[in-house]
Amino acid sequence: MNILLAEDDRNFGLILKSELEQDDHRVDLVSNGVDVVLAVISSSYDFVLLDLRMPRLSGTDALRIIKNLKPHVPVITFSGNAGKSEMEETLQCGALKCFSKPFSVAQLKDEIRAFFEN
């Protein structure tokens, strides 16, 4: 499965990328909202994992653009400091789930797996 991971914390992004690759996923890591949108436009992804607080373009704004361009691409958002209303907004914009950091990588993997099993 091809996954796009958008995370501006490089260390956390590399750890999460490594964890996902252990399940034989191909993971591209980007660090800002503009690069997320450009990657979705130029490549085909089975799943997008999107931090809400990123430079250049917020995760919420990137989510809106992604859902306008490719509404079928599933997205899970996450944040370490987003408020409840911001997290709910992402669900209204089409995210499948919104996790608060820190979150369980196993739970994230379960959510991805469950989406494709349904």
C-alpha atoms as a PDB file:
ATOM      1  CA  MET A   1       0.000   0.000   0.000  1.00  0.00           C
ATOM      2  CA  ASN A   2       1.248   3.505  -0.839  1.00  0.00           C
ATOM      3  CA  ILE A   3       0.928   5.912   2.084  1.00  0.00           C
ATOM      4  CA  LEU A   4       1.641   9.635   2.174  1.00  0.00           C
ATOM      5  CA  LEU A   5       2.705  10.770   5.642  1.00  0.00           C
ATOM      6  CA  ALA A   6       2.664  14.495   6.377  1.00  0.00           C
ATOM      7  CA  GLU A   7       4.473  15.360   9.602  1.00  0.00           C
ATOM      8  CA  ASP A   8       6.597  18.423  10.339  1.00  0.00           C
ATOM      9  CA  ASP A   9       8.331  16.829  13.345  1.00  0.00           C
ATOM     10  CA  ARG A  10      11.094  15.014  11.451  1.00  0.00           C
ATOM     11  CA  ASN A  11      11.945  12.568  14.249  1.00  0.00           C
ATOM     12  CA  PHE A  12       8.335  11.537  14.819  1.00  0.00           C
ATOM     13  CA  GLY A  13       7.792  11.307  11.064  1.00  0.00           C
ATOM     14  CA  LEU A  14      10.778   9.007  10.586  1.00  0.00           C
ATOM     15  CA  ILE A  15       9.690   6.770  13.471  1.00  0.00           C
ATOM     16  CA  LEU A  16       6.139   6.503  12.144  1.00  0.00           C
ATOM     17  CA  LYS A  17       7.424   5.921   8.596  1.00  0.00           C
ATOM     18  CA  SER A  18       9.639   3.085   9.847  1.00  0.00           C
ATOM     19  CA  GLU A  19       6.773   1.503  11.797  1.00  0.00           C
ATOM     20  CA  LEU A  20       4.485   1.574   8.751  1.00  0.00           C
ATOM     21  CA  GLU A  21       7.189   0.192   6.454  1.00  0.00           C
ATOM     22  CA  GLN A  22       7.522  -2.821   8.771  1.00  0.00           C
ATOM     23  CA  ASP A  23       4.050  -3.796   7.503  1.00  0.00           C
ATOM     24  CA  ASP A  24       5.311  -3.647   3.891  1.00  0.00           C
ATOM     25  CA  HIS A  25       3.785  -0.245   3.146  1.00  0.00           C
ATOM     26  CA  ARG A  26       5.593   2.201   0.886  1.00  0.00           C
ATOM     27  CA  VAL A  27       5.657   5.515   2.755  1.00  0.00           C
ATOM     28  CA  ASP A  28       6.529   8.958   1.408  1.00  0.00           C
ATOM     29  CA  LEU A  29       7.221  11.570   4.090  1.00  0.00           C
ATOM     30  CA  VAL A  30       6.587  15.281   3.557  1.00  0.00           C
ATOM     31  CA  SER A  31       6.874  18.063   6.106  1.00  0.00           C
ATOM     32  CA  ASN A  32       4.438  20.808   5.118  1.00  0.00           C
ATOM     33  CA  GLY A  33       0.920  21.276   3.822  1.00  0.00           C
ATOM     34  CA  VAL A  34       1.894  22.514   0.365  1.00  0.00           C
ATOM     35  CA  ASP A  35       4.034  19.429  -0.254  1.00  0.00           C
ATOM     36  CA  VAL A  36       1.115  17.213   0.839  1.00  0.00           C
ATOM     37  CA  VAL A  37      -1.142  18.717  -1.798  1.00  0.00           C
ATOM     38  CA  LEU A  38       1.554  18.556  -4.485  1.00  0.00           C
ATOM     39  CA  ALA A  39       2.269  14.907  -3.668  1.00  0.00           C
ATOM     40  CA  VAL A  40      -1.420  13.973  -3.851  1.00  0.00           C
ATOM     41  CA  ILE A  41      -1.711  15.732  -7.215  1.00  0.00           C
ATOM     42  CA  SER A  42       1.395  14.124  -8.713  1.00  0.00           C
ATOM     43  CA  SER A  43       1.210  10.588  -7.272  1.00  0.00           C
ATOM     44  CA  SER A  44      -1.289   7.903  -6.427  1.00  0.00           C
ATOM     45  CA  TYR A  45      -1.725   7.128  -2.737  1.00  0.00           C
ATOM     46  CA  ASP A  46      -3.906   4.541  -1.077  1.00  0.00           C
ATOM     47  CA  PHE A  47      -3.928   6.471   2.198  1.00  0.00           C
ATOM     48  CA  VAL A  48      -2.894   9.855   3.612  1.00  0.00           C
ATOM     49  CA  LEU A  49      -1.805  10.445   7.215  1.00  0.00           C
ATOM     50  CA  LEU A  50      -1.920  14.150   7.934  1.00  0.00           C
ATOM     51  CA  ASP A  51      -0.655  16.281  10.815  1.00  0.00           C
ATOM     52  CA  LEU A  52      -2.986  19.218  11.430  1.00  0.00           C
ATOM     53  CA  ARG A  53      -0.340  21.733  12.467  1.00  0.00           C
ATOM     54  CA  MET A  54       2.197  22.160   9.691  1.00  0.00           C
ATOM     55  CA  PRO A  55       4.021  25.047   8.038  1.00  0.00           C
ATOM     56  CA  ARG A  56       3.024  26.679   4.733  1.00  0.00           C
ATOM     57  CA  LEU A  57      -0.538  25.262   4.760  1.00  0.00           C
ATOM     58  CA  SER A  58      -2.449  23.823   7.679  1.00  0.00           C
ATOM     59  CA  GLY A  59      -3.426  20.184   7.696  1.00  0.00           C
ATOM     60  CA  THR A  60      -7.095  21.166   7.736  1.00  0.00           C
ATOM     61  CA  ASP A  61      -6.687  23.313   4.622  1.00  0.00           C
ATOM     62  CA  ALA A  62      -4.641  20.570   2.940  1.00  0.00           C
ATOM     63  CA  LEU A  63      -7.404  18.078   3.803  1.00  0.00           C
ATOM     64  CA  ARG A  64     -10.032  20.281   2.145  1.00  0.00           C
ATOM     65  CA  ILE A  65      -7.947  20.501  -1.032  1.00  0.00           C
ATOM     66  CA  ILE A  66      -7.236  16.758  -1.054  1.00  0.00           C
ATOM     67  CA  LYS A  67     -10.926  15.935  -0.645  1.00  0.00           C
ATOM     68  CA  ASN A  68     -11.823  18.320  -3.487  1.00  0.00           C
ATOM     69  CA  LEU A  69      -9.203  16.842  -5.815  1.00  0.00           C
ATOM     70  CA  LYS A  70      -9.398  13.166  -4.865  1.00  0.00           C
ATOM     71  CA  PRO A  71     -12.396  12.561  -2.602  1.00  0.00           C
ATOM     72  CA  HIS A  72     -11.885   8.780  -2.647  1.00  0.00           C
ATOM     73  CA  VAL A  73      -8.465   8.939  -0.932  1.00  0.00           C
ATOM     74  CA  PRO A  74      -8.859   8.046   2.762  1.00  0.00           C
ATOM     75  CA  VAL A  75      -7.249  10.421   5.255  1.00  0.00           C
ATOM     76  CA  ILE A  76      -6.505  10.105   8.958  1.00  0.00           C
ATOM     77  CA  THR A  77      -5.466  13.282  10.749  1.00  0.00           C
ATOM     78  CA  PHE A  78      -3.561  13.754  13.981  1.00  0.00           C
ATOM     79  CA  SER A  79      -2.269  16.541  16.166  1.00  0.00           C
ATOM     80  CA  GLY A  80      -0.463  17.154  19.400  1.00  0.00           C
ATOM     81  CA  ASN A  81      -2.114  20.462  20.124  1.00  0.00           C
ATOM     82  CA  ALA A  82      -5.318  20.852  18.125  1.00  0.00           C
ATOM     83  CA  GLY A  83      -8.456  21.664  20.034  1.00  0.00           C
ATOM     84  CA  LYS A  84     -11.541  19.491  20.017  1.00  0.00           C
ATOM     85  CA  SER A  85     -13.356  21.804  17.570  1.00  0.00           C
ATOM     86  CA  GLU A  86     -10.456  21.673  15.103  1.00  0.00           C
ATOM     87  CA  MET A  87     -10.348  17.891  15.343  1.00  0.00           C
ATOM     88  CA  GLU A  88     -14.113  17.672  14.769  1.00  0.00           C
ATOM     89  CA  GLU A  89     -13.773  20.010  11.789  1.00  0.00           C
ATOM     90  CA  THR A  90     -11.420  17.556  10.093  1.00  0.00           C
ATOM     91  CA  LEU A  91     -14.007  14.819  10.476  1.00  0.00           C
ATOM     92  CA  GLN A  92     -16.607  17.090   8.875  1.00  0.00           C
ATOM     93  CA  CYS A  93     -14.141  17.737   6.023  1.00  0.00           C
ATOM     94  CA  GLY A  94     -13.860  14.019   5.322  1.00  0.00           C
ATOM     95  CA  ALA A  95     -11.149  12.589   7.578  1.00  0.00           C
ATOM     96  CA  LEU A  96     -11.885   9.067   8.741  1.00  0.00           C
ATOM     97  CA  LYS A  97     -10.444   9.647  12.186  1.00  0.00           C
ATOM     98  CA  CYS A  98      -8.477  12.251  14.110  1.00  0.00           C
ATOM     99  CA  PHE A  99      -5.923  11.092  16.678  1.00  0.00           C
ATOM    100  CA  SER A 100      -4.396  13.130  19.486  1.00  0.00           C
ATOM    101  CA  LYS A 101      -0.656  12.786  19.944  1.00  0.00           C
ATOM    102  CA  PRO A 102       0.719  10.731  21.449  1.00  0.00           C
ATOM    103  CA  PHE A 103      -1.259   7.896  19.910  1.00  0.00           C
ATOM    104  CA  SER A 104      -0.740   4.184  19.576  1.00  0.00           C
ATOM    105  CA  VAL A 105       0.904   3.184  16.302  1.00  0.00           C
ATOM    106  CA  ALA A 106      -0.848  -0.179  16.640  1.00  0.00           C
ATOM    107  CA  GLN A 107      -4.210   1.619  16.797  1.00  0.00           C
ATOM    108  CA  LEU A 108      -3.327   3.649  13.705  1.00  0.00           C
ATOM    109  CA  LYS A 109      -2.348   0.485  11.823  1.00  0.00           C
ATOM    110  CA  ASP A 110      -5.606  -1.150  12.932  1.00  0.00           C
ATOM    111  CA  GLU A 111      -7.611   1.793  11.556  1.00  0.00           C
ATOM    112  CA  ILE A 112      -5.841   1.588   8.198  1.00  0.00           C
ATOM    113  CA  ARG A 113      -6.316  -2.181   8.020  1.00  0.00           C
ATOM    114  CA  ALA A 114      -9.996  -1.932   9.031  1.00  0.00           C
ATOM    115  CA  PHE A 115     -10.689   0.599   6.283  1.00  0.00           C
ATOM    116  CA  PHE A 116      -9.502  -1.784   3.589  1.00  0.00           C
ATOM    117  CA  GLU A 117     -11.210  -4.810   5.098  1.00  0.00           C
ATOM    118  CA  ASN A 118     -14.647  -3.135   4.888  1.00  0.00           C
END
